[in-house]
């Protein structure tokens, strides 16, 4: 095997190994949906304009479980998880569950067309200046689950498949603890 063939083989082997590792990590059903948060921290307030320019205050969702998701239209992993979030919302909304997707940064006229194209019906708000305080957003997407008592109970860094049964279990487990 000459150097050129070895280089080509090495590239192919690297790609195959990366795909295998990604597949195992992405589709592992035993992977937790979210990580439990310690302490008894109240969720910071959110008062921002929604995607239609109307004022929104998180107080509207008091007494409900709320998934808060920080995202941006230019973030590929963020965009990829939106269909699963919509399915989650459709399945659990009647059970006192809401989603607030907070677009981080200027929307550049792309948020509303994106929401319409993907039939997104959960609340999306715009944080053009990234002014929301008190949330530890380390990267996008970043998500938090708020209990019906307004406490931060779970968090997730990175995209998720948002499995309905796993979210139901998180909501059920947190209800037993309170």
C-alpha atoms as a PDB file:
ATOM      1  CA  UNK A   1       0.000   0.000   0.000  1.00  0.00           C
ATOM      2  CA  UNK A   2       1.540   3.312  -1.050  1.00  0.00           C
ATOM      3  CA  UNK A   3       1.279   6.592   0.856  1.00  0.00           C
ATOM      4  CA  UNK A   4      -1.643   7.913  -1.208  1.00  0.00           C
ATOM      5  CA  UNK A   5      -3.661   4.714  -0.677  1.00  0.00           C
ATOM      6  CA  UNK A   6      -2.825   4.685   3.035  1.00  0.00           C
ATOM      7  CA  UNK A   7      -3.972   8.320   3.392  1.00  0.00           C
ATOM      8  CA  UNK A   8      -7.258   7.566   1.614  1.00  0.00           C
ATOM      9  CA  UNK A   9      -7.783   4.449   3.750  1.00  0.00           C
ATOM     10  CA  UNK A  10      -7.025   6.410   6.926  1.00  0.00           C
ATOM     11  CA  UNK A  11      -9.582   9.093   6.026  1.00  0.00           C
ATOM     12  CA  UNK A  12     -12.270   6.502   5.316  1.00  0.00           C
ATOM     13  CA  UNK A  13     -11.516   4.644   8.536  1.00  0.00           C
ATOM     14  CA  UNK A  14     -11.676   7.894  10.506  1.00  0.00           C
ATOM     15  CA  UNK A  15     -15.056   8.810   8.980  1.00  0.00           C
ATOM     16  CA  UNK A  16     -16.466   5.338   9.693  1.00  0.00           C
ATOM     17  CA  UNK A  17     -15.270   5.426  13.313  1.00  0.00           C
ATOM     18  CA  UNK A  18     -16.739   8.923  13.831  1.00  0.00           C
ATOM     19  CA  UNK A  19     -20.079   7.861  12.351  1.00  0.00           C
ATOM     20  CA  UNK A  20     -20.159   4.768  14.533  1.00  0.00           C
ATOM     21  CA  UNK A  21     -19.420   6.773  17.678  1.00  0.00           C
ATOM     22  CA  UNK A  22     -22.013   9.404  16.739  1.00  0.00           C
ATOM     23  CA  UNK A  23     -24.629   6.717  16.094  1.00  0.00           C
ATOM     24  CA  UNK A  24     -24.039   4.998  19.421  1.00  0.00           C
ATOM     25  CA  UNK A  25     -24.108   8.301  21.316  1.00  0.00           C
ATOM     26  CA  UNK A  26     -27.141   9.758  19.502  1.00  0.00           C
ATOM     27  CA  UNK A  27     -29.407   6.757  19.656  1.00  0.00           C
ATOM     28  CA  UNK A  28     -28.561   5.318  23.061  1.00  0.00           C
ATOM     29  CA  UNK A  29     -31.986   4.845  24.652  1.00  0.00           C
ATOM     30  CA  UNK A  30     -30.532   4.660  28.150  1.00  0.00           C
ATOM     31  CA  UNK A  31     -29.040   8.157  27.874  1.00  0.00           C
ATOM     32  CA  UNK A  32     -30.870  10.519  30.264  1.00  0.00           C
ATOM     33  CA  UNK A  33     -33.001  13.146  28.594  1.00  0.00           C
ATOM     34  CA  UNK A  34     -31.878  15.862  31.015  1.00  0.00           C
ATOM     35  CA  UNK A  35     -29.624  16.229  34.067  1.00  0.00           C
ATOM     36  CA  UNK A  36     -31.123  16.904  37.465  1.00  0.00           C
ATOM     37  CA  UNK A  37     -30.366  20.315  38.965  1.00  0.00           C
ATOM     38  CA  UNK A  38     -29.407  20.623  42.601  1.00  0.00           C
ATOM     39  CA  UNK A  39     -30.766  23.211  44.974  1.00  0.00           C
ATOM     40  CA  UNK A  40     -34.166  24.810  45.014  1.00  0.00           C
ATOM     41  CA  UNK A  41     -33.640  27.624  42.533  1.00  0.00           C
ATOM     42  CA  UNK A  42     -36.596  29.604  41.197  1.00  0.00           C
ATOM     43  CA  UNK A  43     -36.582  30.063  37.423  1.00  0.00           C
ATOM     44  CA  UNK A  44     -35.412  33.546  36.396  1.00  0.00           C
ATOM     45  CA  UNK A  45     -38.116  35.731  34.809  1.00  0.00           C
ATOM     46  CA  UNK A  46     -38.587  35.944  31.065  1.00  0.00           C
ATOM     47  CA  UNK A  47     -40.348  39.000  29.629  1.00  0.00           C
ATOM     48  CA  UNK A  48     -39.588  39.397  25.917  1.00  0.00           C
ATOM     49  CA  UNK A  49     -41.452  40.009  22.670  1.00  0.00           C
ATOM     50  CA  UNK A  50     -42.758  36.883  20.968  1.00  0.00           C
ATOM     51  CA  UNK A  51     -42.076  36.065  17.329  1.00  0.00           C
ATOM     52  CA  UNK A  52     -45.043  38.242  16.317  1.00  0.00           C
ATOM     53  CA  UNK A  53     -43.738  41.236  18.273  1.00  0.00           C
ATOM     54  CA  UNK A  54     -46.297  40.879  21.083  1.00  0.00           C
ATOM     55  CA  UNK A  55     -45.161  41.150  24.711  1.00  0.00           C
ATOM     56  CA  UNK A  56     -44.752  37.857  26.536  1.00  0.00           C
ATOM     57  CA  UNK A  57     -44.218  37.231  30.240  1.00  0.00           C
ATOM     58  CA  UNK A  58     -43.441  33.772  31.595  1.00  0.00           C
ATOM     59  CA  UNK A  59     -45.953  34.444  34.390  1.00  0.00           C
ATOM     60  CA  UNK A  60     -48.588  33.346  31.841  1.00  0.00           C
ATOM     61  CA  UNK A  61     -47.379  29.772  32.398  1.00  0.00           C
ATOM     62  CA  UNK A  62     -47.487  29.701  36.200  1.00  0.00           C
ATOM     63  CA  UNK A  63     -48.609  26.309  37.530  1.00  0.00           C
ATOM     64  CA  UNK A  64     -47.368  24.453  34.434  1.00  0.00           C
ATOM     65  CA  UNK A  65     -44.246  22.533  33.548  1.00  0.00           C
ATOM     66  CA  UNK A  66     -42.217  24.622  31.107  1.00  0.00           C
ATOM     67  CA  UNK A  67     -39.370  23.568  28.856  1.00  0.00           C
ATOM     68  CA  UNK A  68     -37.231  26.646  28.170  1.00  0.00           C
ATOM     69  CA  UNK A  69     -35.003  26.180  25.128  1.00  0.00           C
ATOM     70  CA  UNK A  70     -32.302  28.640  24.058  1.00  0.00           C
ATOM     71  CA  UNK A  71     -31.625  28.431  20.316  1.00  0.00           C
ATOM     72  CA  UNK A  72     -30.757  30.414  17.171  1.00  0.00           C
ATOM     73  CA  UNK A  73     -31.829  30.087  13.540  1.00  0.00           C
ATOM     74  CA  UNK A  74     -28.190  29.696  12.432  1.00  0.00           C
ATOM     75  CA  UNK A  75     -27.519  26.838  14.901  1.00  0.00           C
ATOM     76  CA  UNK A  76     -27.836  23.533  13.025  1.00  0.00           C
ATOM     77  CA  UNK A  77     -28.327  21.310  16.110  1.00  0.00           C
ATOM     78  CA  UNK A  78     -30.950  23.776  17.420  1.00  0.00           C
ATOM     79  CA  UNK A  79     -32.937  23.659  14.197  1.00  0.00           C
ATOM     80  CA  UNK A  80     -32.657  19.863  14.021  1.00  0.00           C
ATOM     81  CA  UNK A  81     -34.343  19.341  17.402  1.00  0.00           C
ATOM     82  CA  UNK A  82     -37.370  21.551  16.660  1.00  0.00           C
ATOM     83  CA  UNK A  83     -39.548  18.810  15.069  1.00  0.00           C
ATOM     84  CA  UNK A  84     -39.042  16.620  18.156  1.00  0.00           C
ATOM     85  CA  UNK A  85     -39.868  19.573  20.407  1.00  0.00           C
ATOM     86  CA  UNK A  86     -43.077  20.172  18.453  1.00  0.00           C
ATOM     87  CA  UNK A  87     -44.044  16.493  18.828  1.00  0.00           C
ATOM     88  CA  UNK A  88     -43.312  16.752  22.571  1.00  0.00           C
ATOM     89  CA  UNK A  89     -45.474  19.860  22.831  1.00  0.00           C
ATOM     90  CA  UNK A  90     -48.319  18.239  20.884  1.00  0.00           C
ATOM     91  CA  UNK A  91     -48.250  15.169  23.138  1.00  0.00           C
ATOM     92  CA  UNK A  92     -47.954  16.908  26.521  1.00  0.00           C
ATOM     93  CA  UNK A  93     -49.596  20.319  26.153  1.00  0.00           C
ATOM     94  CA  UNK A  94     -52.931  18.983  27.438  1.00  0.00           C
ATOM     95  CA  UNK A  95     -51.086  17.743  30.562  1.00  0.00           C
ATOM     96  CA  UNK A  96     -50.031  21.224  31.704  1.00  0.00           C
ATOM     97  CA  UNK A  97     -46.799  21.381  29.676  1.00  0.00           C
ATOM     98  CA  UNK A  98     -45.519  24.378  27.709  1.00  0.00           C
ATOM     99  CA  UNK A  99     -42.427  25.213  25.689  1.00  0.00           C
ATOM    100  CA  UNK A 100     -40.741  28.588  25.424  1.00  0.00           C
ATOM    101  CA  UNK A 101     -38.075  28.744  22.729  1.00  0.00           C
ATOM    102  CA  UNK A 102     -35.836  31.786  23.233  1.00  0.00           C
ATOM    103  CA  UNK A 103     -34.087  32.879  20.057  1.00  0.00           C
ATOM    104  CA  UNK A 104     -30.666  34.199  21.122  1.00  0.00           C
ATOM    105  CA  UNK A 105     -29.450  37.122  19.028  1.00  0.00           C
ATOM    106  CA  UNK A 106     -30.896  39.183  16.200  1.00  0.00           C
ATOM    107  CA  UNK A 107     -33.598  37.252  14.302  1.00  0.00           C
ATOM    108  CA  UNK A 108     -32.635  38.855  10.949  1.00  0.00           C
ATOM    109  CA  UNK A 109     -36.120  38.183   9.587  1.00  0.00           C
ATOM    110  CA  UNK A 110     -35.555  34.423   9.620  1.00  0.00           C
ATOM    111  CA  UNK A 111     -37.381  33.248  12.743  1.00  0.00           C
ATOM    112  CA  UNK A 112     -41.009  33.693  11.638  1.00  0.00           C
ATOM    113  CA  UNK A 113     -40.466  32.014   8.228  1.00  0.00           C
ATOM    114  CA  UNK A 114     -38.696  29.121   9.988  1.00  0.00           C
ATOM    115  CA  UNK A 115     -41.550  28.674  12.472  1.00  0.00           C
ATOM    116  CA  UNK A 116     -44.139  28.780   9.692  1.00  0.00           C
ATOM    117  CA  UNK A 117     -42.229  26.359   7.453  1.00  0.00           C
ATOM    118  CA  UNK A 118     -41.949  23.795  10.284  1.00  0.00           C
ATOM    119  CA  UNK A 119     -45.455  24.365  11.722  1.00  0.00           C
ATOM    120  CA  UNK A 120     -44.096  25.317  15.143  1.00  0.00           C
ATOM    121  CA  UNK A 121     -46.978  26.193  17.466  1.00  0.00           C
ATOM    122  CA  UNK A 122     -45.272  26.541  20.845  1.00  0.00           C
ATOM    123  CA  UNK A 123     -44.240  29.988  22.123  1.00  0.00           C
ATOM    124  CA  UNK A 124     -41.118  31.487  20.608  1.00  0.00           C
ATOM    125  CA  UNK A 125     -39.691  34.709  22.005  1.00  0.00           C
ATOM    126  CA  UNK A 126     -36.909  36.923  20.699  1.00  0.00           C
ATOM    127  CA  UNK A 127     -33.915  37.954  22.775  1.00  0.00           C
ATOM    128  CA  UNK A 128     -32.223  40.066  20.116  1.00  0.00           C
ATOM    129  CA  UNK A 129     -29.731  41.606  22.562  1.00  0.00           C
ATOM    130  CA  UNK A 130     -29.288  38.429  24.615  1.00  0.00           C
ATOM    131  CA  UNK A 131     -30.501  40.385  27.629  1.00  0.00           C
ATOM    132  CA  UNK A 132     -32.227  37.619  29.610  1.00  0.00           C
ATOM    133  CA  UNK A 133     -30.359  37.298  32.893  1.00  0.00           C
ATOM    134  CA  UNK A 134     -29.972  34.509  35.424  1.00  0.00           C
ATOM    135  CA  UNK A 135     -29.840  31.619  32.969  1.00  0.00           C
ATOM    136  CA  UNK A 136     -26.566  29.730  32.619  1.00  0.00           C
ATOM    137  CA  UNK A 137     -26.503  29.336  28.852  1.00  0.00           C
ATOM    138  CA  UNK A 138     -23.145  27.800  28.026  1.00  0.00           C
ATOM    139  CA  UNK A 139     -23.865  26.928  24.397  1.00  0.00           C
ATOM    140  CA  UNK A 140     -26.781  26.454  22.016  1.00  0.00           C
ATOM    141  CA  UNK A 141     -29.054  24.642  22.267  1.00  0.00           C
ATOM    142  CA  UNK A 142     -29.469  24.772  26.040  1.00  0.00           C
ATOM    143  CA  UNK A 143     -32.691  23.710  27.753  1.00  0.00           C
ATOM    144  CA  UNK A 144     -34.206  23.813  31.216  1.00  0.00           C
ATOM    145  CA  UNK A 145     -37.296  22.156  32.656  1.00  0.00           C
ATOM    146  CA  UNK A 146     -39.222  24.254  35.148  1.00  0.00           C
ATOM    147  CA  UNK A 147     -41.579  22.537  37.606  1.00  0.00           C
ATOM    148  CA  UNK A 148     -45.194  23.568  38.061  1.00  0.00           C
ATOM    149  CA  UNK A 149     -43.949  25.343  41.225  1.00  0.00           C
ATOM    150  CA  UNK A 150     -41.594  27.521  39.145  1.00  0.00           C
ATOM    151  CA  UNK A 151     -38.354  25.762  40.159  1.00  0.00           C
ATOM    152  CA  UNK A 152     -35.483  24.812  37.839  1.00  0.00           C
ATOM    153  CA  UNK A 153     -35.390  21.019  38.071  1.00  0.00           C
ATOM    154  CA  UNK A 154     -33.565  19.679  34.985  1.00  0.00           C
ATOM    155  CA  UNK A 155     -31.200  20.984  32.311  1.00  0.00           C
ATOM    156  CA  UNK A 156     -29.767  19.769  29.024  1.00  0.00           C
ATOM    157  CA  UNK A 157     -26.814  21.066  27.037  1.00  0.00           C
ATOM    158  CA  UNK A 158     -26.900  20.181  23.354  1.00  0.00           C
ATOM    159  CA  UNK A 159     -29.631  18.809  21.090  1.00  0.00           C
ATOM    160  CA  UNK A 160     -32.068  16.121  22.200  1.00  0.00           C
ATOM    161  CA  UNK A 161     -34.573  13.787  20.578  1.00  0.00           C
ATOM    162  CA  UNK A 162     -37.112  14.921  23.215  1.00  0.00           C
ATOM    163  CA  UNK A 163     -38.677  11.529  23.863  1.00  0.00           C
ATOM    164  CA  UNK A 164     -42.217  11.922  25.185  1.00  0.00           C
ATOM    165  CA  UNK A 165     -42.074   9.032  27.670  1.00  0.00           C
ATOM    166  CA  UNK A 166     -38.805  10.288  29.176  1.00  0.00           C
ATOM    167  CA  UNK A 167     -40.247  13.783  29.629  1.00  0.00           C
ATOM    168  CA  UNK A 168     -43.380  12.334  31.249  1.00  0.00           C
ATOM    169  CA  UNK A 169     -41.104  10.427  33.642  1.00  0.00           C
ATOM    170  CA  UNK A 170     -39.172  13.602  34.527  1.00  0.00           C
ATOM    171  CA  UNK A 171     -42.418  15.444  35.207  1.00  0.00           C
ATOM    172  CA  UNK A 172     -43.758  12.549  37.278  1.00  0.00           C
ATOM    173  CA  UNK A 173     -40.534  12.176  39.282  1.00  0.00           C
ATOM    174  CA  UNK A 174     -40.382  15.874  40.080  1.00  0.00           C
ATOM    175  CA  UNK A 175     -44.001  15.850  41.215  1.00  0.00           C
ATOM    176  CA  UNK A 176     -43.212  13.138  43.766  1.00  0.00           C
ATOM    177  CA  UNK A 177     -40.305  15.125  45.138  1.00  0.00           C
ATOM    178  CA  UNK A 178     -42.316  18.274  45.827  1.00  0.00           C
END
